[in-house]
Amino acid sequence: MPAYWVARSRVNDPVAYKKYTDLVPGIIAKFGGKILARGGKFQIMEGPDKFARFVVIEFPTFEQGVACFTSRDYDDAAAFRRNGGGEVETIMVEGV
């Protein structure tokens, strides 16, 4: 059963955030993930407008998605974002 990594983000430092986003696609691919949406046009239908970037990534299983997010490779890449590059809310949700 597939799972979806859904993230809402706000870029605070474009240079640091780009260092993060340059690394992430390769890490996601290592865990069988496929980026379905990354940036692009959006419309907030309900809720706060704190975030201006949205990402949806499909993984073959919930476990692979969680393993990707908790991997050393992802943690190293996310350090660029976590150290001032941006703010993110991320969830992993199992598909149907």
Protein backbone atom coordinates (compact mmCIF):
# COMPACT_ATOMS: atom_id res chain seq x y z
CA MET A 1 0.00 0.00 0.00
CA PRO A 2 1.53 3.38 -0.95
CA ALA A 3 2.23 6.17 1.49
CA TYR A 4 2.53 9.90 0.98
CA TRP A 5 4.99 12.36 2.47
CA VAL A 6 3.16 15.67 2.55
CA ALA A 7 5.03 18.84 3.48
CA ARG A 8 4.19 22.49 3.78
CA SER A 9 7.17 24.81 3.85
CA ARG A 10 8.31 28.37 3.94
CA VAL A 11 11.69 29.44 2.56
CA ASN A 12 13.56 31.84 4.84
CA ASP A 13 17.00 31.73 3.18
CA PRO A 14 16.84 30.78 -0.53
CA VAL A 15 20.56 29.93 -0.77
CA ALA A 16 20.51 27.53 2.20
CA TYR A 17 17.15 26.08 1.14
CA LYS A 18 18.51 25.35 -2.36
CA LYS A 19 21.39 23.36 -0.83
CA TYR A 20 18.71 21.23 0.82
CA THR A 21 16.47 20.86 -2.25
CA ASP A 22 19.44 19.98 -4.49
CA LEU A 23 20.17 16.90 -2.34
CA VAL A 24 16.68 15.63 -1.56
CA PRO A 25 15.56 14.12 -4.92
CA GLY A 26 18.42 11.61 -4.94
CA ILE A 27 17.74 10.62 -1.34
CA ILE A 28 14.04 10.13 -2.04
CA ALA A 29 14.84 7.96 -5.06
CA LYS A 30 17.06 5.69 -2.90
CA PHE A 31 13.96 4.82 -0.87
CA GLY A 32 11.70 4.25 -3.88
CA GLY A 33 10.01 7.64 -3.59
CA LYS A 34 8.47 9.58 -6.46
CA ILE A 35 7.89 13.33 -6.28
CA LEU A 36 4.29 14.08 -7.29
CA ALA A 37 4.21 17.80 -6.47
CA ARG A 38 7.03 20.16 -5.53
CA GLY A 39 6.37 23.87 -5.50
CA GLY A 40 4.21 25.12 -8.33
CA LYS A 41 0.77 26.63 -8.39
CA PHE A 42 -1.42 26.16 -5.31
CA GLN A 43 -4.47 27.61 -3.63
CA ILE A 44 -5.05 27.38 0.10
CA MET A 45 -8.66 26.29 0.46
CA GLU A 46 -8.78 26.48 4.26
CA GLY A 47 -6.30 27.16 7.02
CA PRO A 48 -3.43 29.54 7.72
CA ASP A 49 -1.33 30.97 4.91
CA LYS A 50 1.99 30.65 6.76
CA PHE A 51 3.43 28.29 4.16
CA ALA A 52 4.00 29.05 0.48
CA ARG A 53 5.51 25.81 -0.83
CA PHE A 54 3.91 22.38 -0.89
CA VAL A 55 5.39 18.95 -1.58
CA VAL A 56 3.81 15.52 -2.09
CA ILE A 57 6.01 12.43 -2.44
CA GLU A 58 4.73 8.90 -2.98
CA PHE A 59 6.55 5.90 -1.50
CA PRO A 60 5.76 2.24 -2.15
CA THR A 61 5.15 1.69 1.58
CA PHE A 62 4.71 3.71 4.75
CA GLU A 63 7.86 2.12 6.15
CA GLN A 64 9.98 3.24 3.18
CA GLY A 65 8.74 6.80 3.55
CA VAL A 66 9.53 6.88 7.27
CA ALA A 67 12.92 5.26 6.62
CA CYS A 68 13.72 8.00 4.10
CA PHE A 69 12.76 10.81 6.46
CA THR A 70 14.71 9.29 9.36
CA SER A 71 17.77 8.36 7.27
CA ARG A 72 21.19 9.87 7.91
CA ASP A 73 21.31 11.14 4.32
CA TYR A 74 18.05 13.06 4.70
CA ASP A 75 19.04 14.35 8.13
CA ASP A 76 22.30 15.71 6.70
CA ALA A 77 20.46 17.43 3.83
CA ALA A 78 17.72 18.79 6.11
CA ALA A 79 20.37 20.46 8.27
CA PHE A 80 20.57 23.23 5.65
CA ARG A 81 16.85 23.88 6.07
CA ARG A 82 16.75 23.34 9.82
CA ASN A 83 19.59 25.80 10.40
CA GLY A 84 17.62 28.77 9.10
CA GLY A 85 16.93 27.88 5.47
CA GLY A 86 13.24 27.33 6.03
CA GLU A 87 10.39 26.02 8.12
CA VAL A 88 8.51 22.81 7.35
CA GLU A 89 5.59 20.76 8.61
CA THR A 90 5.82 17.18 7.36
CA ILE A 91 3.49 14.21 7.71
CA MET A 92 3.54 10.67 6.36
CA VAL A 93 0.14 9.24 5.56
CA GLU A 94 -0.75 5.76 4.35
CA GLY A 95 -2.69 5.64 1.09
CA VAL A 96 -5.68 3.47 0.27
